[in-house]
Each structure stands twice: as C-alpha cells, then as structure tokens.
Amino acid sequence: MTSGDGEFWYNLSTHEVERGKQSPGADRAGPFATAEEAARAPQILVERSRQWQEDEEHEDEWGTPPSGGGARQ
C-alpha cells in the first residue's frame, strides 16, 4: 500500500471521491477518513470557511474598545 491509500480525497475538478492520492494536489481536498465524508467535502469546506471567517473577525476585534463605551481622555 502506498502512502495515502487509506485516505479519501474529493477531486475539485471532477467532483468525485478518490481513494488515495490519484490526482494532483491542487485538484484535491482532504484527506478524509471515509468516502462518505469526502463526498460531503463541498459542504465541509463551506462550513470550515465560515468558521475561519468568524474566527478572523473575532481576532480582528481583539484589543478594540467596546462600542458605546466612549474613549477617556
């Protein structure tokens, strides 16, 4: 068994699930533990992207005074 044969990948070009590293890295999302999980890759990627965006926004707010508090001089 070659490295990665037990993993599943979602091919972003063909929209098919692949077992192992069959396609170039730029065309793959994963790895996933199961074929079913890999088939859900588009939804998983959207969910992760949304969470990352929320995390980024939270980090951007770090150190910003709360709104409505007014600045002291």
N, C-alpha and C. Protein backbone atom coordinates (compact mmCIF):
# COMPACT_ATOMS: atom_id res chain seq x y z
N MET A 1 0.85 -1.18 0.00
CA MET A 1 0.00 0.00 0.00
C MET A 1 0.89 1.24 0.00
N THR A 2 0.62 2.17 -0.91
CA THR A 2 1.40 3.40 -0.95
C THR A 2 0.83 4.40 0.04
N SER A 3 1.61 5.39 0.35
CA SER A 3 1.20 6.41 1.31
C SER A 3 -0.10 7.08 0.87
N GLY A 4 -1.07 7.14 1.77
CA GLY A 4 -2.32 7.82 1.48
C GLY A 4 -3.39 6.94 0.88
N ASP A 5 -3.11 5.64 0.65
CA ASP A 5 -4.12 4.77 0.05
C ASP A 5 -5.33 4.55 0.94
N GLY A 6 -5.17 4.70 2.25
CA GLY A 6 -6.28 4.50 3.16
C GLY A 6 -7.09 5.77 3.39
N GLU A 7 -6.72 6.83 2.69
CA GLU A 7 -7.41 8.11 2.84
C GLU A 7 -8.28 8.36 1.63
N PHE A 8 -9.29 9.18 1.83
CA PHE A 8 -10.19 9.54 0.74
C PHE A 8 -10.04 11.03 0.46
N TRP A 9 -10.16 11.37 -0.78
CA TRP A 9 -9.98 12.75 -1.23
C TRP A 9 -11.16 13.12 -2.11
N TYR A 10 -11.48 14.40 -2.14
CA TYR A 10 -12.51 14.91 -3.04
C TYR A 10 -11.81 15.65 -4.17
N ASN A 11 -12.08 15.24 -5.39
CA ASN A 11 -11.47 15.89 -6.54
C ASN A 11 -12.29 17.12 -6.90
N LEU A 12 -11.67 18.28 -6.79
CA LEU A 12 -12.36 19.55 -7.02
C LEU A 12 -12.67 19.80 -8.49
N SER A 13 -11.99 19.10 -9.39
CA SER A 13 -12.23 19.27 -10.82
C SER A 13 -13.33 18.34 -11.33
N THR A 14 -13.27 17.08 -10.91
CA THR A 14 -14.25 16.09 -11.40
C THR A 14 -15.43 15.94 -10.46
N HIS A 15 -15.30 16.44 -9.22
CA HIS A 15 -16.35 16.32 -8.19
C HIS A 15 -16.60 14.86 -7.82
N GLU A 16 -15.54 14.08 -7.85
CA GLU A 16 -15.63 12.66 -7.49
C GLU A 16 -14.73 12.36 -6.29
N VAL A 17 -15.10 11.32 -5.55
CA VAL A 17 -14.31 10.86 -4.42
C VAL A 17 -13.25 9.91 -4.96
N GLU A 18 -12.03 10.07 -4.45
CA GLU A 18 -10.92 9.20 -4.86
C GLU A 18 -10.31 8.56 -3.63
N ARG A 19 -9.86 7.33 -3.78
CA ARG A 19 -9.15 6.66 -2.70
C ARG A 19 -7.66 6.79 -2.98
N GLY A 20 -6.95 7.40 -2.03
CA GLY A 20 -5.53 7.63 -2.23
C GLY A 20 -5.29 8.88 -3.06
N LYS A 21 -4.02 9.19 -3.22
CA LYS A 21 -3.62 10.40 -3.95
C LYS A 21 -3.53 10.10 -5.43
N GLN A 22 -4.67 10.18 -6.12
CA GLN A 22 -4.72 9.87 -7.54
C GLN A 22 -4.52 11.10 -8.41
N SER A 23 -4.96 12.25 -7.92
CA SER A 23 -4.93 13.49 -8.70
C SER A 23 -3.88 14.44 -8.15
N PRO A 24 -3.50 15.44 -8.96
CA PRO A 24 -2.56 16.45 -8.45
C PRO A 24 -3.11 17.14 -7.21
N GLY A 25 -2.23 17.54 -6.34
CA GLY A 25 -2.62 18.16 -5.08
C GLY A 25 -3.53 19.37 -5.23
N ALA A 26 -3.34 20.15 -6.28
CA ALA A 26 -4.17 21.33 -6.48
C ALA A 26 -5.62 20.98 -6.78
N ASP A 27 -5.87 19.75 -7.20
CA ASP A 27 -7.23 19.31 -7.53
C ASP A 27 -7.91 18.56 -6.40
N ARG A 28 -7.21 18.37 -5.27
CA ARG A 28 -7.75 17.54 -4.19
C ARG A 28 -8.09 18.34 -2.96
N ALA A 29 -9.16 17.91 -2.26
CA ALA A 29 -9.47 18.40 -0.92
C ALA A 29 -9.46 17.18 -0.02
N GLY A 30 -8.86 17.32 1.14
CA GLY A 30 -8.80 16.20 2.05
C GLY A 30 -7.47 16.20 2.76
N PRO A 31 -7.15 15.12 3.40
CA PRO A 31 -7.80 13.81 3.31
C PRO A 31 -8.99 13.69 4.26
N PHE A 32 -9.85 12.73 3.96
CA PHE A 32 -10.99 12.40 4.78
C PHE A 32 -10.88 10.93 5.18
N ALA A 33 -11.47 10.60 6.31
CA ALA A 33 -11.37 9.24 6.84
C ALA A 33 -12.25 8.25 6.08
N THR A 34 -13.37 8.73 5.54
CA THR A 34 -14.29 7.83 4.84
C THR A 34 -14.69 8.43 3.50
N ALA A 35 -15.18 7.58 2.62
CA ALA A 35 -15.67 8.04 1.32
C ALA A 35 -16.88 8.95 1.50
N GLU A 36 -17.72 8.63 2.48
CA GLU A 36 -18.92 9.43 2.73
C GLU A 36 -18.55 10.85 3.16
N GLU A 37 -17.54 10.94 4.01
CA GLU A 37 -17.08 12.25 4.46
C GLU A 37 -16.49 13.02 3.27
N ALA A 38 -15.72 12.36 2.44
CA ALA A 38 -15.13 13.01 1.27
C ALA A 38 -16.23 13.49 0.32
N ALA A 39 -17.31 12.75 0.19
CA ALA A 39 -18.41 13.14 -0.67
C ALA A 39 -19.08 14.42 -0.17
N ARG A 40 -18.99 14.67 1.12
CA ARG A 40 -19.55 15.88 1.73
C ARG A 40 -18.55 17.04 1.70
N ALA A 41 -17.43 16.88 1.04
CA ALA A 41 -16.36 17.88 1.05
C ALA A 41 -16.85 19.29 0.71
N PRO A 42 -17.67 19.48 -0.31
CA PRO A 42 -18.10 20.85 -0.59
C PRO A 42 -18.79 21.52 0.60
N GLN A 43 -19.67 20.79 1.28
CA GLN A 43 -20.35 21.35 2.45
C GLN A 43 -19.37 21.56 3.60
N ILE A 44 -18.48 20.62 3.80
CA ILE A 44 -17.49 20.73 4.88
C ILE A 44 -16.59 21.94 4.65
N LEU A 45 -16.18 22.16 3.41
CA LEU A 45 -15.31 23.30 3.09
C LEU A 45 -16.03 24.62 3.34
N VAL A 46 -17.32 24.69 3.01
CA VAL A 46 -18.10 25.90 3.27
C VAL A 46 -18.21 26.14 4.78
N GLU A 47 -18.49 25.07 5.54
CA GLU A 47 -18.61 25.20 6.99
C GLU A 47 -17.29 25.66 7.61
N ARG A 48 -16.19 25.06 7.18
CA ARG A 48 -14.87 25.45 7.72
C ARG A 48 -14.53 26.88 7.35
N SER A 49 -14.83 27.27 6.11
CA SER A 49 -14.54 28.62 5.67
C SER A 49 -15.34 29.63 6.48
N ARG A 50 -16.59 29.33 6.74
CA ARG A 50 -17.43 30.22 7.55
C ARG A 50 -16.85 30.36 8.96
N GLN A 51 -16.42 29.24 9.53
CA GLN A 51 -15.85 29.27 10.88
C GLN A 51 -14.55 30.06 10.90
N TRP A 52 -13.70 29.86 9.89
CA TRP A 52 -12.45 30.61 9.83
C TRP A 52 -12.72 32.11 9.72
N GLN A 53 -13.73 32.48 8.93
CA GLN A 53 -14.07 33.89 8.77
C GLN A 53 -14.52 34.47 10.11
N GLU A 54 -15.36 33.74 10.84
CA GLU A 54 -15.80 34.19 12.16
C GLU A 54 -14.62 34.33 13.11
N ASP A 55 -13.70 33.37 13.07
CA ASP A 55 -12.51 33.44 13.92
C ASP A 55 -11.66 34.65 13.57
N GLU A 56 -11.48 34.92 12.27
CA GLU A 56 -10.70 36.07 11.83
C GLU A 56 -11.33 37.37 12.32
N GLU A 57 -12.66 37.46 12.19
CA GLU A 57 -13.35 38.68 12.63
C GLU A 57 -13.18 38.86 14.14
N HIS A 58 -13.25 37.78 14.88
CA HIS A 58 -13.08 37.85 16.33
C HIS A 58 -11.66 38.31 16.67
N GLU A 59 -10.66 37.76 15.96
CA GLU A 59 -9.28 38.16 16.21
C GLU A 59 -9.05 39.61 15.83
N ASP A 60 -9.72 40.09 14.76
CA ASP A 60 -9.57 41.48 14.34
C ASP A 60 -10.13 42.43 15.39
N GLU A 61 -11.12 41.97 16.16
CA GLU A 61 -11.74 42.81 17.19
C GLU A 61 -10.93 42.83 18.48
N TRP A 62 -9.95 41.94 18.61
CA TRP A 62 -9.15 41.87 19.82
C TRP A 62 -8.45 43.19 20.05
N GLY A 63 -8.57 43.70 21.24
CA GLY A 63 -7.91 44.95 21.59
C GLY A 63 -8.68 46.20 21.22
N THR A 64 -9.82 46.03 20.54
CA THR A 64 -10.64 47.18 20.19
C THR A 64 -11.57 47.49 21.35
N PRO A 65 -11.65 48.73 21.77
CA PRO A 65 -12.55 49.07 22.88
C PRO A 65 -13.99 48.75 22.50
N PRO A 66 -14.79 48.34 23.46
CA PRO A 66 -16.19 48.06 23.17
C PRO A 66 -16.89 49.30 22.62
N SER A 67 -17.81 49.10 21.70
CA SER A 67 -18.53 50.24 21.14
C SER A 67 -19.47 50.82 22.18
N GLY A 68 -19.67 52.10 22.12
CA GLY A 68 -20.58 52.77 23.05
C GLY A 68 -19.95 53.10 24.38
N GLY A 69 -18.71 52.67 24.61
CA GLY A 69 -18.06 52.92 25.87
C GLY A 69 -17.43 54.29 25.94
N GLY A 70 -17.19 54.86 24.79
CA GLY A 70 -16.56 56.18 24.77
C GLY A 70 -15.12 56.10 25.21
N ALA A 71 -14.30 56.91 24.62
CA ALA A 71 -12.88 56.91 24.97
C ALA A 71 -12.63 57.96 26.05
N ARG A 72 -11.79 57.61 26.99
CA ARG A 72 -11.42 58.57 28.04
C ARG A 72 -10.23 59.37 27.57
N GLN A 73 -10.22 60.63 27.97
CA GLN A 73 -9.09 61.48 27.60
C GLN A 73 -8.48 62.09 28.81
